[in-house]
Amino acid sequence: EICACLVGSEMCIRDRVKGTITVEGDLRLDGIIEGNVSCRGKVVIGPQGRIKGNVTCTGAVLHGMLQGDIQVAEDLIMKSGCTMNGDVYTCKLEIESKARFNGTCNTTEKDTLVTSQVVKPETVDTEK
């Protein structure tokens, strides 16, 4: 059973969800998502919220934990106490004191989202 509610155009998830999530509006997460998230609005991961998967959205505010890559067309804000383990693709990044970020940051043009899955470069063995 999923505990979710719709407030205006914002979807709120307070339980554990497995699978791909697609939201046309905003998403507020206070539970756990195991899977990729695609959101046309803003994603807010609350202090108890966790995502294990990749996220694509217009804007994001992280209070909780994200384990995966994130592509943001506009602003990404990592709040104090959040944990971000993965790569970031955004035009504007704000990281507060005591936020944890383990990954790489890639600058994009505003309102640009990578439409295909991010392909990381392969390691080349130069010892041949």
C-alpha atoms as a PDB file:
ATOM      1  CA  GLU A   1       0.000   0.000   0.000  1.00  0.00           C
ATOM      2  CA  ILE A   2       1.341   3.426  -0.976  1.00  0.00           C
ATOM      3  CA  CYS A   3       0.665   6.438   1.216  1.00  0.00           C
ATOM      4  CA  ALA A   4       0.590   9.341  -1.257  1.00  0.00           C
ATOM      5  CA  CYS A   5      -1.499  12.456  -1.546  1.00  0.00           C
ATOM      6  CA  LEU A   6      -2.071  15.095  -4.196  1.00  0.00           C
ATOM      7  CA  VAL A   7      -2.056  18.698  -2.964  1.00  0.00           C
ATOM      8  CA  GLY A   8      -2.796  21.049  -5.855  1.00  0.00           C
ATOM      9  CA  SER A   9      -0.273  20.006  -8.474  1.00  0.00           C
ATOM     10  CA  GLU A  10       2.164  18.546  -5.900  1.00  0.00           C
ATOM     11  CA  MET A  11       2.473  14.793  -5.331  1.00  0.00           C
ATOM     12  CA  CYS A  12       3.501  13.799  -1.780  1.00  0.00           C
ATOM     13  CA  ILE A  13       4.930  10.335  -1.046  1.00  0.00           C
ATOM     14  CA  ARG A  14       5.275   9.206   2.565  1.00  0.00           C
ATOM     15  CA  ASP A  15       5.906   5.486   2.148  1.00  0.00           C
ATOM     16  CA  ARG A  16       8.223   3.105   0.250  1.00  0.00           C
ATOM     17  CA  VAL A  17       7.827   2.915  -3.530  1.00  0.00           C
ATOM     18  CA  LYS A  18       9.727   0.650  -5.941  1.00  0.00           C
ATOM     19  CA  GLY A  19       9.809   1.373  -9.661  1.00  0.00           C
ATOM     20  CA  THR A  20       9.906   4.339 -12.002  1.00  0.00           C
ATOM     21  CA  ILE A  21       8.022   7.457 -10.880  1.00  0.00           C
ATOM     22  CA  THR A  22       6.816  10.073 -13.402  1.00  0.00           C
ATOM     23  CA  VAL A  23       5.199  13.264 -12.080  1.00  0.00           C
ATOM     24  CA  GLU A  24       3.775  16.083 -14.211  1.00  0.00           C
ATOM     25  CA  GLY A  25       3.808  18.629 -11.353  1.00  0.00           C
ATOM     26  CA  ASP A  26       5.962  18.903  -8.212  1.00  0.00           C
ATOM     27  CA  LEU A  27       7.042  16.022  -5.954  1.00  0.00           C
ATOM     28  CA  ARG A  28       7.536  16.117  -2.174  1.00  0.00           C
ATOM     29  CA  LEU A  29       9.176  12.966  -0.777  1.00  0.00           C
ATOM     30  CA  ASP A  30       9.163  12.061   2.914  1.00  0.00           C
ATOM     31  CA  GLY A  31       9.436   8.326   2.280  1.00  0.00           C
ATOM     32  CA  ILE A  32      11.658   6.064   0.170  1.00  0.00           C
ATOM     33  CA  ILE A  33      11.800   5.604  -3.602  1.00  0.00           C
ATOM     34  CA  GLU A  34      13.829   2.768  -5.099  1.00  0.00           C
ATOM     35  CA  GLY A  35      13.855   3.612  -8.802  1.00  0.00           C
ATOM     36  CA  ASN A  36      14.228   6.507 -11.186  1.00  0.00           C
ATOM     37  CA  VAL A  37      12.213   9.719 -10.858  1.00  0.00           C
ATOM     38  CA  SER A  38      11.178  12.008 -13.714  1.00  0.00           C
ATOM     39  CA  CYS A  39       9.431  15.216 -12.653  1.00  0.00           C
ATOM     40  CA  ARG A  40       8.387  18.207 -14.773  1.00  0.00           C
ATOM     41  CA  GLY A  41       8.340  20.409 -11.667  1.00  0.00           C
ATOM     42  CA  LYS A  42      10.371  20.693  -8.484  1.00  0.00           C
ATOM     43  CA  VAL A  43      11.508  17.695  -6.427  1.00  0.00           C
ATOM     44  CA  VAL A  44      11.810  18.232  -2.668  1.00  0.00           C
ATOM     45  CA  ILE A  45      13.367  15.393  -0.684  1.00  0.00           C
ATOM     46  CA  GLY A  46      12.397  15.927   2.962  1.00  0.00           C
ATOM     47  CA  PRO A  47      14.771  15.192   5.869  1.00  0.00           C
ATOM     48  CA  GLN A  48      13.454  11.585   6.137  1.00  0.00           C
ATOM     49  CA  GLY A  49      13.203  11.141   2.359  1.00  0.00           C
ATOM     50  CA  ARG A  50      15.502   8.856   0.368  1.00  0.00           C
ATOM     51  CA  ILE A  51      15.874   8.066  -3.314  1.00  0.00           C
ATOM     52  CA  LYS A  52      17.990   5.228  -4.661  1.00  0.00           C
ATOM     53  CA  GLY A  53      17.915   5.944  -8.392  1.00  0.00           C
ATOM     54  CA  ASN A  54      18.423   8.729 -10.912  1.00  0.00           C
ATOM     55  CA  VAL A  55      16.369  11.944 -10.872  1.00  0.00           C
ATOM     56  CA  THR A  56      15.459  14.278 -13.740  1.00  0.00           C
ATOM     57  CA  CYS A  57      13.537  17.458 -12.841  1.00  0.00           C
ATOM     58  CA  THR A  58      13.148  21.206 -13.322  1.00  0.00           C
ATOM     59  CA  GLY A  59      14.332  22.195  -9.816  1.00  0.00           C
ATOM     60  CA  ALA A  60      15.335  20.346  -6.656  1.00  0.00           C
ATOM     61  CA  VAL A  61      15.855  20.892  -2.931  1.00  0.00           C
ATOM     62  CA  LEU A  62      17.576  18.077  -1.051  1.00  0.00           C
ATOM     63  CA  HIS A  63      17.148  17.765   2.720  1.00  0.00           C
ATOM     64  CA  GLY A  64      17.382  13.951   2.818  1.00  0.00           C
ATOM     65  CA  MET A  65      19.396  11.435   0.792  1.00  0.00           C
ATOM     66  CA  LEU A  66      19.876  10.795  -2.930  1.00  0.00           C
ATOM     67  CA  GLN A  67      21.944   7.861  -4.111  1.00  0.00           C
ATOM     68  CA  GLY A  68      22.118   8.311  -7.876  1.00  0.00           C
ATOM     69  CA  ASP A  69      22.645  10.978 -10.514  1.00  0.00           C
ATOM     70  CA  ILE A  70      20.484  14.095 -10.763  1.00  0.00           C
ATOM     71  CA  GLN A  71      19.758  16.262 -13.818  1.00  0.00           C
ATOM     72  CA  VAL A  72      18.181  19.628 -13.002  1.00  0.00           C
ATOM     73  CA  ALA A  73      17.123  22.160 -15.647  1.00  0.00           C
ATOM     74  CA  GLU A  74      17.238  25.083 -13.202  1.00  0.00           C
ATOM     75  CA  ASP A  75      18.398  25.304  -9.543  1.00  0.00           C
ATOM     76  CA  LEU A  76      19.643  22.496  -7.296  1.00  0.00           C
ATOM     77  CA  ILE A  77      19.933  23.263  -3.570  1.00  0.00           C
ATOM     78  CA  MET A  78      21.621  20.847  -1.158  1.00  0.00           C
ATOM     79  CA  LYS A  79      20.518  21.763   2.357  1.00  0.00           C
ATOM     80  CA  SER A  80      22.516  21.260   5.542  1.00  0.00           C
ATOM     81  CA  GLY A  81      22.332  17.606   6.608  1.00  0.00           C
ATOM     82  CA  CYS A  82      21.515  16.161   3.181  1.00  0.00           C
ATOM     83  CA  THR A  83      23.569  13.403   1.538  1.00  0.00           C
ATOM     84  CA  MET A  84      24.103  13.312  -2.235  1.00  0.00           C
ATOM     85  CA  ASN A  85      26.029  10.324  -3.633  1.00  0.00           C
ATOM     86  CA  GLY A  86      26.123  10.676  -7.402  1.00  0.00           C
ATOM     87  CA  ASP A  87      26.800  13.050 -10.252  1.00  0.00           C
ATOM     88  CA  VAL A  88      25.058  16.388 -10.714  1.00  0.00           C
ATOM     89  CA  TYR A  89      24.036  18.032 -14.002  1.00  0.00           C
ATOM     90  CA  THR A  90      22.681  21.563 -13.452  1.00  0.00           C
ATOM     91  CA  CYS A  91      23.167  25.216 -14.382  1.00  0.00           C
ATOM     92  CA  LYS A  92      23.055  26.448 -10.767  1.00  0.00           C
ATOM     93  CA  LEU A  93      24.182  24.609  -7.634  1.00  0.00           C
ATOM     94  CA  GLU A  94      23.953  25.770  -4.026  1.00  0.00           C
ATOM     95  CA  ILE A  95      25.520  23.634  -1.287  1.00  0.00           C
ATOM     96  CA  GLU A  96      24.926  24.632   2.323  1.00  0.00           C
ATOM     97  CA  SER A  97      27.394  24.032   5.140  1.00  0.00           C
ATOM     98  CA  LYS A  98      27.224  20.442   6.484  1.00  0.00           C
ATOM     99  CA  ALA A  99      25.638  19.062   3.300  1.00  0.00           C
ATOM    100  CA  ARG A 100      27.469  15.963   2.026  1.00  0.00           C
ATOM    101  CA  PHE A 101      28.170  15.670  -1.721  1.00  0.00           C
ATOM    102  CA  ASN A 102      30.156  12.765  -3.168  1.00  0.00           C
ATOM    103  CA  GLY A 103      30.284  12.897  -6.962  1.00  0.00           C
ATOM    104  CA  THR A 104      31.053  15.214  -9.823  1.00  0.00           C
ATOM    105  CA  CYS A 105      29.328  18.423 -10.848  1.00  0.00           C
ATOM    106  CA  ASN A 106      28.650  19.118 -14.526  1.00  0.00           C
ATOM    107  CA  THR A 107      27.507  22.575 -15.609  1.00  0.00           C
ATOM    108  CA  THR A 108      24.692  22.750 -18.166  1.00  0.00           C
ATOM    109  CA  GLU A 109      22.801  25.562 -19.877  1.00  0.00           C
ATOM    110  CA  LYS A 110      19.649  26.762 -18.097  1.00  0.00           C
ATOM    111  CA  ASP A 111      16.512  24.782 -18.977  1.00  0.00           C
ATOM    112  CA  THR A 112      18.598  21.978 -20.484  1.00  0.00           C
ATOM    113  CA  LEU A 113      17.972  18.386 -19.515  1.00  0.00           C
ATOM    114  CA  VAL A 114      19.889  15.431 -20.835  1.00  0.00           C
ATOM    115  CA  THR A 115      17.104  13.512 -22.542  1.00  0.00           C
ATOM    116  CA  SER A 116      18.919  10.215 -22.835  1.00  0.00           C
ATOM    117  CA  GLN A 117      20.414   8.227 -20.017  1.00  0.00           C
ATOM    118  CA  VAL A 118      23.730   9.606 -18.834  1.00  0.00           C
ATOM    119  CA  VAL A 119      26.586   7.526 -20.218  1.00  0.00           C
ATOM    120  CA  LYS A 120      29.717   7.699 -18.119  1.00  0.00           C
ATOM    121  CA  PRO A 121      33.047   7.489 -19.938  1.00  0.00           C
ATOM    122  CA  GLU A 122      34.744   4.118 -19.838  1.00  0.00           C
ATOM    123  CA  THR A 123      38.095   3.703 -18.154  1.00  0.00           C
ATOM    124  CA  VAL A 124      40.835   3.300 -20.746  1.00  0.00           C
ATOM    125  CA  ASP A 125      43.709   0.958 -19.964  1.00  0.00           C
ATOM    126  CA  THR A 126      46.860   2.827 -21.019  1.00  0.00           C
ATOM    127  CA  GLU A 127      49.275   0.158 -19.782  1.00  0.00           C
ATOM    128  CA  LYS A 128      49.359  -1.907 -23.007  1.00  0.00           C
END
